[in-house]
Protein backbone atom coordinates (compact mmCIF):
# COMPACT_ATOMS: atom_id res chain seq x y z
CA MET A 1 5.22 9.38 14.49
CA LYS A 2 4.16 9.62 10.84
CA ILE A 3 6.36 6.65 9.91
CA ILE A 4 4.96 4.59 12.79
CA THR A 5 1.41 5.48 11.73
CA ARG A 6 2.17 4.44 8.16
CA ALA A 7 3.81 1.22 9.22
CA VAL A 8 1.02 0.35 11.63
CA GLY A 9 -1.56 1.41 9.07
CA ALA A 10 0.10 -0.71 6.46
CA MET A 11 0.27 -3.68 8.75
CA VAL A 12 -3.18 -3.34 10.27
CA ALA A 13 -4.74 -2.76 6.93
CA LEU A 14 -4.69 -6.31 5.69
CA ALA A 15 -7.98 -8.04 6.19
CA ALA A 16 -8.98 -10.84 3.79
CA ILE A 17 -7.47 -9.82 0.46
CA PRO A 18 -8.89 -10.96 -2.80
CA LEU A 19 -6.14 -9.32 -4.83
CA THR A 20 -7.46 -7.81 -8.01
CA ALA A 21 -4.48 -5.55 -8.52
CA LEU A 22 -3.26 -3.95 -11.66
CA PRO A 23 0.15 -5.13 -12.82
CA ALA A 24 3.01 -3.07 -11.42
CA GLN A 25 4.07 -0.43 -13.89
CA ALA A 26 6.87 2.07 -13.98
CA VAL A 27 6.42 5.42 -15.64
CA PRO A 28 9.12 6.68 -18.01
CA SER A 29 10.65 8.89 -15.30
CA GLY A 30 11.94 5.83 -13.42
CA HIS A 31 9.19 5.87 -10.85
CA GLY A 32 6.65 3.18 -10.08
CA CYS A 33 6.41 0.00 -8.05
CA GLN A 34 9.35 -2.15 -7.14
CA ARG A 35 9.40 -5.86 -7.95
CA GLY A 36 6.98 -7.70 -5.70
CA PHE A 37 4.61 -4.75 -5.30
CA ASP A 38 1.35 -4.32 -7.22
CA LEU A 39 -0.03 -1.00 -8.47
CA VAL A 40 -3.48 -0.68 -6.86
CA SER A 41 -6.00 2.06 -6.17
CA VAL A 42 -6.06 3.94 -2.89
CA ASP A 43 -9.60 2.60 -2.42
CA TYR A 44 -8.26 -0.95 -2.63
CA VAL A 45 -5.70 -0.27 0.09
CA LEU A 46 -8.40 1.41 2.20
CA SER A 47 -10.60 -1.66 1.81
CA GLN A 48 -7.85 -3.71 3.46
CA ALA A 49 -7.16 -1.23 6.26
CA THR A 50 -8.37 -1.26 9.82
CA PRO A 51 -10.66 1.72 10.51
CA GLY A 52 -8.75 4.74 11.74
CA PHE A 53 -5.90 4.62 9.23
CA GLU A 54 -7.73 6.17 6.28
CA SER A 55 -6.06 9.58 6.45
CA ALA A 56 -2.55 8.10 6.74
CA ILE A 57 -3.15 5.91 3.68
CA GLN A 58 -4.68 8.74 1.65
CA ALA A 59 -1.78 11.04 2.60
CA GLU A 60 0.67 8.58 1.05
CA ASP A 61 -0.82 9.29 -2.42
CA VAL A 62 1.54 12.23 -2.92
CA ASN A 63 0.79 12.80 -6.61
CA ASP A 64 -3.01 12.43 -6.24
CA ASP A 65 -3.29 9.84 -9.00
CA ASP A 66 -5.28 7.48 -6.73
CA LEU A 67 -2.61 4.76 -7.07
CA LEU A 68 -0.29 3.16 -4.51
CA CYS A 69 2.24 0.35 -4.62
CA PHE A 70 1.01 -2.52 -2.43
CA LYS A 71 2.53 -5.74 -1.14
CA LEU A 72 0.89 -8.38 1.00
CA LEU A 73 3.35 -9.88 3.48
CA PRO A 74 3.36 -13.58 4.36
CA SER A 75 1.17 -14.61 7.27
CA ALA A 76 4.35 -15.65 9.08
CA VAL A 77 4.94 -11.96 9.84
CA PRO A 78 3.15 -11.80 13.22
CA LEU A 79 2.14 -8.16 13.27
CA PHE A 80 -1.44 -7.90 12.08
CA GLU A 81 -3.65 -10.11 10.01
CA PRO A 82 -3.28 -9.45 7.20
CA THR A 83 -0.05 -7.44 7.04
CA PHE A 84 0.89 -5.29 4.05
CA LEU A 85 3.15 -2.47 2.91
CA TYR A 86 2.25 0.44 0.67
CA TYR A 87 3.85 3.58 -0.78
CA ASP A 88 3.17 6.12 -3.49
CA ASN A 89 4.06 5.16 -7.04
CA THR A 90 6.16 8.32 -7.42
CA LYS A 91 9.02 6.92 -5.30
CA PRO A 92 12.13 6.33 -7.43
CA ILE A 93 12.80 2.69 -8.29
């Protein structure tokens, strides 16, 4: 259920996105954002999310650094408008 909530939250969360993201960065431990993802604040992801998914998005920030990896999917993905993916920047890359 948690994965579905995250996926739906990620997909629902894309409203109109004026991306002002920080460049993706990896920390020396080999963690960070994969190619194609931007390092953004949790607040930025929340600003794109449909109401009701706030706690799922905040829970993804495992290391409490207020940063998540974020990727806007093409509009051809017919799930939600806009559709995006996100994950914590502590996932190994």
